Structure formats: structure tokens, C-alpha cells
């Protein structure tokens, strides 16, 4: 559990552009993530999974913390 908590804090700091060891790439702006999205991102990172999503909320984390697979929500209707 401690690994997920540490990942939560790191991803939050990264998203806000406050992670000294890994600044945001040029052109990316700092953003606040919702708490639930942070837990999802942290858990995906710690487990080594691929995050499946239908929106761009996690795009700034792709390939930095985990692979991201953006799904087209319309294909499931």
C-alpha cells in the first residue's frame, strides 16, 4: 500500500509541475488531477499495468508512468 501512496504523491507533484527530478515536457502545462484519477494512475503505475480510458485526462502521464490505451467510447454503443 505504501508504494501506491508514494506513487500517488509523485504523480500529483508531476502533474502540477512540481517534481524536481522530472519536469513536465515542453509545451505541457501543470494541471490538478482529481483524487480518484490519482488513485487510478498510482495503482496502474505500481502494478505495471496499461491504463485503458475513453478520455484525455491521463494523456500527460502516458509513457512516463504507464502505457495508455485511449479507447473510442462510440465503438461500445
N, C-alpha and C. Protein backbone atom coordinates (compact mmCIF):
# COMPACT_ATOMS: atom_id res chain seq x y z
N UNK A 1 0.81 -1.19 0.00
CA UNK A 1 0.00 0.00 0.00
C UNK A 1 0.86 1.26 0.00
N UNK A 2 2.00 1.20 0.70
CA UNK A 2 2.88 2.36 0.77
C UNK A 2 3.40 2.75 -0.61
N UNK A 3 3.64 1.76 -1.46
CA UNK A 3 4.11 2.07 -2.82
C UNK A 3 3.06 2.85 -3.60
N UNK A 4 1.79 2.51 -3.43
CA UNK A 4 0.71 3.23 -4.12
C UNK A 4 0.60 4.65 -3.58
N UNK A 5 0.73 4.81 -2.28
CA UNK A 5 0.67 6.15 -1.68
C UNK A 5 1.82 7.01 -2.19
N UNK A 6 3.01 6.44 -2.25
CA UNK A 6 4.17 7.18 -2.76
C UNK A 6 3.97 7.55 -4.23
N UNK A 7 3.43 6.63 -5.02
CA UNK A 7 3.17 6.90 -6.44
C UNK A 7 2.11 7.99 -6.58
N UNK A 8 1.09 7.97 -5.75
CA UNK A 8 0.05 8.99 -5.74
C UNK A 8 0.69 10.38 -5.57
N UNK A 9 1.55 10.51 -4.55
CA UNK A 9 2.20 11.79 -4.27
C UNK A 9 3.11 12.21 -5.42
N UNK A 10 3.84 11.28 -5.98
CA UNK A 10 4.75 11.60 -7.08
C UNK A 10 3.98 12.04 -8.33
N UNK A 11 2.94 11.31 -8.68
CA UNK A 11 2.15 11.65 -9.87
C UNK A 11 1.44 12.99 -9.68
N UNK A 12 0.97 13.24 -8.48
CA UNK A 12 0.33 14.53 -8.19
C UNK A 12 1.34 15.67 -8.37
N UNK A 13 2.53 15.51 -7.82
CA UNK A 13 3.57 16.53 -7.95
C UNK A 13 3.98 16.71 -9.42
N UNK A 14 4.13 15.61 -10.14
CA UNK A 14 4.48 15.68 -11.56
C UNK A 14 3.41 16.44 -12.35
N UNK A 15 2.16 16.11 -12.10
CA UNK A 15 1.05 16.74 -12.82
C UNK A 15 0.98 18.24 -12.58
N UNK A 16 1.40 18.65 -11.40
CA UNK A 16 1.38 20.07 -11.05
C UNK A 16 2.69 20.77 -11.43
N UNK A 17 3.60 20.04 -12.06
CA UNK A 17 4.87 20.63 -12.47
C UNK A 17 5.79 20.91 -11.31
N UNK A 18 5.64 20.16 -10.23
CA UNK A 18 6.44 20.39 -9.02
C UNK A 18 7.40 19.25 -8.70
N UNK A 19 7.61 18.36 -9.62
CA UNK A 19 8.51 17.25 -9.38
C UNK A 19 9.89 17.63 -9.91
N UNK A 20 10.80 17.94 -9.01
CA UNK A 20 12.12 18.45 -9.40
C UNK A 20 12.90 17.45 -10.24
N UNK A 21 12.74 16.17 -9.97
CA UNK A 21 13.51 15.15 -10.68
C UNK A 21 12.97 14.85 -12.07
N UNK A 22 11.76 15.29 -12.36
CA UNK A 22 11.16 15.02 -13.67
C UNK A 22 10.19 16.14 -14.03
N UNK A 23 10.71 17.20 -14.66
CA UNK A 23 9.82 18.30 -15.05
C UNK A 23 8.88 17.88 -16.18
N UNK A 24 7.80 18.61 -16.31
CA UNK A 24 6.87 18.37 -17.42
C UNK A 24 7.57 18.66 -18.74
N UNK A 25 7.26 17.91 -19.77
CA UNK A 25 7.84 18.18 -21.08
C UNK A 25 7.45 19.57 -21.59
N UNK A 26 8.27 20.12 -22.45
CA UNK A 26 7.98 21.42 -23.05
C UNK A 26 6.62 21.38 -23.73
N UNK A 27 5.84 22.42 -23.50
CA UNK A 27 4.52 22.51 -24.11
C UNK A 27 3.40 21.98 -23.23
N UNK A 28 3.74 21.24 -22.19
CA UNK A 28 2.72 20.73 -21.28
C UNK A 28 2.57 21.69 -20.11
N UNK A 29 1.35 21.96 -19.72
CA UNK A 29 1.10 22.86 -18.60
C UNK A 29 0.70 22.05 -17.37
N UNK A 30 0.95 22.63 -16.22
CA UNK A 30 0.59 21.99 -14.95
C UNK A 30 -0.93 21.85 -14.87
N UNK A 31 -1.36 20.80 -14.19
CA UNK A 31 -2.80 20.55 -14.03
C UNK A 31 -3.05 19.87 -12.70
N UNK A 32 -4.22 20.13 -12.17
CA UNK A 32 -4.68 19.42 -10.98
C UNK A 32 -5.48 18.23 -11.44
N UNK A 33 -5.19 17.08 -10.85
CA UNK A 33 -5.95 15.87 -11.16
C UNK A 33 -6.90 15.59 -10.00
N UNK A 34 -8.03 15.02 -10.31
CA UNK A 34 -8.96 14.60 -9.27
C UNK A 34 -8.37 13.47 -8.44
N UNK A 35 -8.80 13.36 -7.22
CA UNK A 35 -8.26 12.34 -6.32
C UNK A 35 -8.49 10.93 -6.85
N UNK A 36 -9.65 10.67 -7.40
CA UNK A 36 -9.91 9.32 -7.93
C UNK A 36 -8.99 9.02 -9.10
N UNK A 37 -8.78 10.00 -9.99
CA UNK A 37 -7.87 9.78 -11.11
C UNK A 37 -6.44 9.54 -10.62
N UNK A 38 -6.03 10.22 -9.56
CA UNK A 38 -4.69 9.99 -9.00
C UNK A 38 -4.55 8.57 -8.46
N UNK A 39 -5.59 8.08 -7.78
CA UNK A 39 -5.53 6.69 -7.28
C UNK A 39 -5.46 5.70 -8.43
N UNK A 40 -6.24 5.96 -9.47
CA UNK A 40 -6.21 5.07 -10.65
C UNK A 40 -4.82 5.08 -11.27
N UNK A 41 -4.25 6.27 -11.46
CA UNK A 41 -2.92 6.39 -12.06
C UNK A 41 -1.86 5.73 -11.19
N UNK A 42 -1.91 5.96 -9.89
CA UNK A 42 -0.91 5.39 -8.98
C UNK A 42 -0.99 3.87 -8.96
N UNK A 43 -2.19 3.34 -8.91
CA UNK A 43 -2.36 1.88 -8.90
C UNK A 43 -1.88 1.26 -10.21
N UNK A 44 -2.20 1.90 -11.32
CA UNK A 44 -1.74 1.41 -12.62
C UNK A 44 -0.22 1.41 -12.69
N UNK A 45 0.38 2.48 -12.21
CA UNK A 45 1.85 2.59 -12.23
C UNK A 45 2.50 1.50 -11.38
N UNK A 46 2.03 1.33 -10.17
CA UNK A 46 2.63 0.37 -9.24
C UNK A 46 2.46 -1.07 -9.72
N UNK A 47 1.32 -1.37 -10.32
CA UNK A 47 1.09 -2.74 -10.79
C UNK A 47 1.70 -3.02 -12.16
N UNK A 48 2.20 -1.97 -12.82
CA UNK A 48 2.82 -2.16 -14.13
C UNK A 48 1.80 -2.39 -15.23
N UNK A 49 0.59 -1.93 -15.03
CA UNK A 49 -0.48 -2.15 -16.00
C UNK A 49 -0.52 -1.10 -17.10
N UNK A 50 -1.46 -1.32 -17.99
CA UNK A 50 -1.78 -0.34 -19.04
C UNK A 50 -3.10 0.29 -18.66
N UNK A 51 -3.18 1.61 -18.70
CA UNK A 51 -4.41 2.30 -18.33
C UNK A 51 -5.30 2.41 -19.56
N UNK A 52 -6.50 1.90 -19.44
CA UNK A 52 -7.50 2.00 -20.50
C UNK A 52 -8.46 3.12 -20.14
N UNK A 53 -8.70 4.04 -21.06
CA UNK A 53 -9.57 5.17 -20.78
C UNK A 53 -10.25 5.64 -22.06
N UNK A 54 -11.32 6.40 -21.88
CA UNK A 54 -12.04 6.96 -23.03
C UNK A 54 -11.85 8.48 -23.11
N UNK A 55 -11.03 9.04 -22.22
CA UNK A 55 -10.80 10.49 -22.26
C UNK A 55 -9.30 10.80 -22.17
N UNK A 56 -8.98 12.08 -22.25
CA UNK A 56 -7.58 12.51 -22.28
C UNK A 56 -7.03 12.89 -20.90
N UNK A 57 -7.76 12.59 -19.84
CA UNK A 57 -7.35 13.02 -18.50
C UNK A 57 -5.99 12.47 -18.06
N UNK A 58 -5.57 11.36 -18.63
CA UNK A 58 -4.31 10.73 -18.23
C UNK A 58 -3.22 10.87 -19.29
N UNK A 59 -3.51 11.58 -20.37
CA UNK A 59 -2.58 11.64 -21.51
C UNK A 59 -1.21 12.18 -21.12
N UNK A 60 -1.15 13.13 -20.20
CA UNK A 60 0.14 13.71 -19.81
C UNK A 60 1.01 12.72 -19.03
N UNK A 61 0.43 11.62 -18.58
CA UNK A 61 1.18 10.61 -17.84
C UNK A 61 1.64 9.45 -18.71
N UNK A 62 1.11 9.38 -19.92
CA UNK A 62 1.41 8.26 -20.82
C UNK A 62 2.90 8.18 -21.09
N UNK A 63 3.39 7.00 -21.03
CA UNK A 63 4.79 6.64 -21.29
C UNK A 63 5.75 7.19 -20.24
N UNK A 64 5.27 8.04 -19.33
CA UNK A 64 6.11 8.48 -18.21
C UNK A 64 5.89 7.52 -17.04
N UNK A 65 4.62 7.19 -16.79
CA UNK A 65 4.29 6.32 -15.67
C UNK A 65 3.68 4.98 -16.08
N UNK A 66 3.07 4.92 -17.24
CA UNK A 66 2.45 3.68 -17.71
C UNK A 66 2.04 3.86 -19.16
N UNK A 67 1.86 2.74 -19.87
CA UNK A 67 1.28 2.82 -21.21
C UNK A 67 -0.20 3.21 -21.11
N UNK A 68 -0.67 3.94 -22.08
CA UNK A 68 -2.06 4.40 -22.09
C UNK A 68 -2.72 3.92 -23.37
N UNK A 69 -3.90 3.36 -23.24
CA UNK A 69 -4.68 2.93 -24.40
C UNK A 69 -5.97 3.73 -24.41
N UNK A 70 -6.06 4.67 -25.34
CA UNK A 70 -7.24 5.52 -25.46
C UNK A 70 -8.28 4.80 -26.31
N UNK A 71 -9.42 4.51 -25.70
CA UNK A 71 -10.48 3.78 -26.37
C UNK A 71 -11.52 4.75 -26.92
N UNK A 72 -12.13 4.40 -28.02
CA UNK A 72 -13.21 5.19 -28.60
C UNK A 72 -14.52 4.73 -27.96
N UNK A 73 -15.11 5.57 -27.14
CA UNK A 73 -16.33 5.21 -26.42
C UNK A 73 -17.48 4.89 -27.36
N UNK A 74 -17.47 5.48 -28.55
CA UNK A 74 -18.57 5.25 -29.50
C UNK A 74 -18.58 3.82 -30.03
N UNK A 75 -17.46 3.14 -29.99
CA UNK A 75 -17.43 1.77 -30.51
C UNK A 75 -18.18 0.80 -29.60
N UNK A 76 -18.49 1.22 -28.39
CA UNK A 76 -19.18 0.35 -27.44
C UNK A 76 -20.67 0.62 -27.35
N UNK A 77 -21.16 1.51 -28.16
CA UNK A 77 -22.60 1.85 -28.13
C UNK A 77 -23.37 1.02 -29.09
